[in-house]
Amino acid sequence: MTVEEFRKLALAQPDVEERSHMDHPDFRINGKVIATLGYPNGEWAMVKLAPADQLAMVASAPNVFAPVKGKWGERGATNVRLELADAGDVRRALVCACALAARGKARSKTSS
């Protein structure tokens, strides 16, 4: 998968827009980052998953997905090795990331 293919899949998700964070392109829903490109370098992307979804993704494609090192990874930040990823892998991860962002939005509305 190329950077442009990842970008196209990310932007195909409902309500996702591209912005930039810390000199990396990122993809957001309602201001919440769900994915980035170029982290830790240009061969990788990152998708923000629930920890359970991260475990499932890593188990299903360990050569494609890996937890980000440190606390971010423990909280679900998941690296995607672009050259080994296929559209199905990335689409599944992005759908999970969008669902996580939607759950967070619903929680913040109920706590208001």
C-alpha atoms as a PDB file:
ATOM      1  CA  MET A   1       0.000   0.000   0.000  1.00  0.00           C
ATOM      2  CA  THR A   2       1.207   3.491  -0.783  1.00  0.00           C
ATOM      3  CA  VAL A   3       0.775   6.663   1.243  1.00  0.00           C
ATOM      4  CA  GLU A   4      -1.767   7.879  -1.327  1.00  0.00           C
ATOM      5  CA  GLU A   5      -3.756   4.642  -1.101  1.00  0.00           C
ATOM      6  CA  PHE A   6      -3.870   4.953   2.698  1.00  0.00           C
ATOM      7  CA  ARG A   7      -4.968   8.589   2.375  1.00  0.00           C
ATOM      8  CA  LYS A   8      -7.737   7.626  -0.067  1.00  0.00           C
ATOM      9  CA  LEU A   9      -9.054   4.897   2.261  1.00  0.00           C
ATOM     10  CA  ALA A  10      -8.956   7.218   5.276  1.00  0.00           C
ATOM     11  CA  LEU A  11     -10.802  10.000   3.457  1.00  0.00           C
ATOM     12  CA  ALA A  12     -13.404   7.507   2.205  1.00  0.00           C
ATOM     13  CA  GLN A  13     -14.603   7.011   5.804  1.00  0.00           C
ATOM     14  CA  PRO A  14     -17.655   9.091   6.780  1.00  0.00           C
ATOM     15  CA  ASP A  15     -16.914  12.527   8.248  1.00  0.00           C
ATOM     16  CA  VAL A  16     -13.109  12.144   8.028  1.00  0.00           C
ATOM     17  CA  GLU A  17     -11.042  15.170   7.103  1.00  0.00           C
ATOM     18  CA  GLU A  18      -7.310  15.580   6.591  1.00  0.00           C
ATOM     19  CA  ARG A  19      -5.283  18.023   8.656  1.00  0.00           C
ATOM     20  CA  SER A  20      -1.739  18.103  10.014  1.00  0.00           C
ATOM     21  CA  HIS A  21      -0.256  17.450  13.450  1.00  0.00           C
ATOM     22  CA  MET A  22       3.422  17.651  14.408  1.00  0.00           C
ATOM     23  CA  ASP A  23       4.404  17.861  10.715  1.00  0.00           C
ATOM     24  CA  HIS A  24       2.499  14.668   9.847  1.00  0.00           C
ATOM     25  CA  PRO A  25      -0.702  14.432   7.814  1.00  0.00           C
ATOM     26  CA  ASP A  26      -3.511  13.215  10.053  1.00  0.00           C
ATOM     27  CA  PHE A  27      -7.109  12.181   9.630  1.00  0.00           C
ATOM     28  CA  ARG A  28      -9.793  13.357  12.042  1.00  0.00           C
ATOM     29  CA  ILE A  29     -13.438  13.037  12.922  1.00  0.00           C
ATOM     30  CA  ASN A  30     -14.850  16.031  14.807  1.00  0.00           C
ATOM     31  CA  GLY A  31     -11.317  17.174  15.598  1.00  0.00           C
ATOM     32  CA  LYS A  32     -10.234  13.791  17.020  1.00  0.00           C
ATOM     33  CA  VAL A  33      -7.245  12.135  15.347  1.00  0.00           C
ATOM     34  CA  ILE A  34      -8.051   8.635  14.125  1.00  0.00           C
ATOM     35  CA  ALA A  35      -4.946   8.061  11.975  1.00  0.00           C
ATOM     36  CA  THR A  36      -1.685   9.641  10.848  1.00  0.00           C
ATOM     37  CA  LEU A  37       0.828   9.133   8.081  1.00  0.00           C
ATOM     38  CA  GLY A  38       4.589   9.109   8.499  1.00  0.00           C
ATOM     39  CA  TYR A  39       4.899   7.888  12.081  1.00  0.00           C
ATOM     40  CA  PRO A  40       7.528   6.816  13.002  1.00  0.00           C
ATOM     41  CA  ASN A  41       8.747   7.384   9.428  1.00  0.00           C
ATOM     42  CA  GLY A  42       7.467   7.466   5.859  1.00  0.00           C
ATOM     43  CA  GLU A  43       7.090   3.686   5.676  1.00  0.00           C
ATOM     44  CA  TRP A  44       4.427   3.667   8.393  1.00  0.00           C
ATOM     45  CA  ALA A  45       1.026   4.998   9.323  1.00  0.00           C
ATOM     46  CA  MET A  46      -0.715   4.951  12.698  1.00  0.00           C
ATOM     47  CA  VAL A  47      -4.334   4.128  13.480  1.00  0.00           C
ATOM     48  CA  LYS A  48      -5.907   4.850  16.863  1.00  0.00           C
ATOM     49  CA  LEU A  49      -7.771   1.724  17.990  1.00  0.00           C
ATOM     50  CA  ALA A  50      -9.414   0.461  21.128  1.00  0.00           C
ATOM     51  CA  PRO A  51      -6.962  -1.901  22.875  1.00  0.00           C
ATOM     52  CA  ALA A  52      -9.166  -4.925  22.096  1.00  0.00           C
ATOM     53  CA  ASP A  53      -9.287  -3.981  18.398  1.00  0.00           C
ATOM     54  CA  GLN A  54      -5.513  -3.500  18.436  1.00  0.00           C
ATOM     55  CA  LEU A  55      -5.039  -7.023  19.814  1.00  0.00           C
ATOM     56  CA  ALA A  56      -7.276  -8.445  17.090  1.00  0.00           C
ATOM     57  CA  MET A  57      -5.503  -6.537  14.297  1.00  0.00           C
ATOM     58  CA  VAL A  58      -2.038  -7.527  15.505  1.00  0.00           C
ATOM     59  CA  ALA A  59      -3.139 -11.168  15.846  1.00  0.00           C
ATOM     60  CA  SER A  60      -4.666 -11.240  12.355  1.00  0.00           C
ATOM     61  CA  ALA A  61      -1.750  -9.512  10.576  1.00  0.00           C
ATOM     62  CA  PRO A  62       1.358  -9.286  12.811  1.00  0.00           C
ATOM     63  CA  ASN A  63       3.562  -8.327   9.871  1.00  0.00           C
ATOM     64  CA  VAL A  64       1.299  -5.312   9.169  1.00  0.00           C
ATOM     65  CA  PHE A  65       0.175  -4.073  12.600  1.00  0.00           C
ATOM     66  CA  ALA A  66       2.221  -3.376  15.737  1.00  0.00           C
ATOM     67  CA  PRO A  67       1.457  -1.422  18.902  1.00  0.00           C
ATOM     68  CA  VAL A  68       3.202   1.946  19.048  1.00  0.00           C
ATOM     69  CA  LYS A  69       5.917   1.852  21.704  1.00  0.00           C
ATOM     70  CA  GLY A  70       5.100   3.139  25.178  1.00  0.00           C
ATOM     71  CA  LYS A  71       1.879   4.412  26.722  1.00  0.00           C
ATOM     72  CA  TRP A  72       0.302   5.446  23.413  1.00  0.00           C
ATOM     73  CA  GLY A  73       0.581   1.869  22.212  1.00  0.00           C
ATOM     74  CA  GLU A  74      -0.881   0.545  25.457  1.00  0.00           C
ATOM     75  CA  ARG A  75      -3.875   2.802  24.832  1.00  0.00           C
ATOM     76  CA  GLY A  76      -4.410   1.475  21.286  1.00  0.00           C
ATOM     77  CA  ALA A  77      -2.164   3.544  19.009  1.00  0.00           C
ATOM     78  CA  THR A  78      -1.203   1.026  16.332  1.00  0.00           C
ATOM     79  CA  ASN A  79       1.466   1.307  13.643  1.00  0.00           C
ATOM     80  CA  VAL A  80       0.669   0.087  10.127  1.00  0.00           C
ATOM     81  CA  ARG A  81       3.538  -1.042   7.913  1.00  0.00           C
ATOM     82  CA  LEU A  82       2.337   0.343   4.611  1.00  0.00           C
ATOM     83  CA  GLU A  83       4.370  -1.797   2.210  1.00  0.00           C
ATOM     84  CA  LEU A  84       2.891  -4.994   3.688  1.00  0.00           C
ATOM     85  CA  ALA A  85      -0.662  -3.737   4.231  1.00  0.00           C
ATOM     86  CA  ASP A  86      -3.533  -4.379   1.879  1.00  0.00           C
ATOM     87  CA  ALA A  87      -6.710  -2.383   1.454  1.00  0.00           C
ATOM     88  CA  GLY A  88      -8.777  -4.861   3.480  1.00  0.00           C
ATOM     89  CA  ASP A  89      -6.430  -4.671   6.480  1.00  0.00           C
ATOM     90  CA  VAL A  90      -6.356  -0.890   6.456  1.00  0.00           C
ATOM     91  CA  ARG A  91     -10.086  -0.472   5.832  1.00  0.00           C
ATOM     92  CA  ARG A  92     -10.907  -2.725   8.832  1.00  0.00           C
ATOM     93  CA  ALA A  93      -8.564  -0.734  11.065  1.00  0.00           C
ATOM     94  CA  LEU A  94      -9.985   2.602   9.898  1.00  0.00           C
ATOM     95  CA  VAL A  95     -13.558   1.429  10.485  1.00  0.00           C
ATOM     96  CA  CYS A  96     -12.580   0.468  14.054  1.00  0.00           C
ATOM     97  CA  ALA A  97     -10.856   3.834  14.565  1.00  0.00           C
ATOM     98  CA  CYS A  98     -13.944   5.693  13.340  1.00  0.00           C
ATOM     99  CA  ALA A  99     -16.176   3.645  15.646  1.00  0.00           C
ATOM    100  CA  LEU A 100     -13.901   4.465  18.593  1.00  0.00           C
ATOM    101  CA  ALA A 101     -14.092   8.185  17.775  1.00  0.00           C
ATOM    102  CA  ALA A 102     -17.893   7.936  17.534  1.00  0.00           C
ATOM    103  CA  ARG A 103     -18.104   6.186  20.944  1.00  0.00           C
ATOM    104  CA  GLY A 104     -15.964   8.938  22.460  1.00  0.00           C
ATOM    105  CA  LYS A 105     -18.256  11.599  21.007  1.00  0.00           C
ATOM    106  CA  ALA A 106     -21.346   9.829  22.387  1.00  0.00           C
ATOM    107  CA  ARG A 107     -19.755   9.588  25.857  1.00  0.00           C
ATOM    108  CA  SER A 108     -18.855  13.268  25.886  1.00  0.00           C
ATOM    109  CA  LYS A 109     -22.444  14.192  24.987  1.00  0.00           C
ATOM    110  CA  THR A 110     -23.869  12.112  27.849  1.00  0.00           C
ATOM    111  CA  SER A 111     -21.471  13.582  30.378  1.00  0.00           C
ATOM    112  CA  SER A 112     -22.382  17.184  29.448  1.00  0.00           C
END
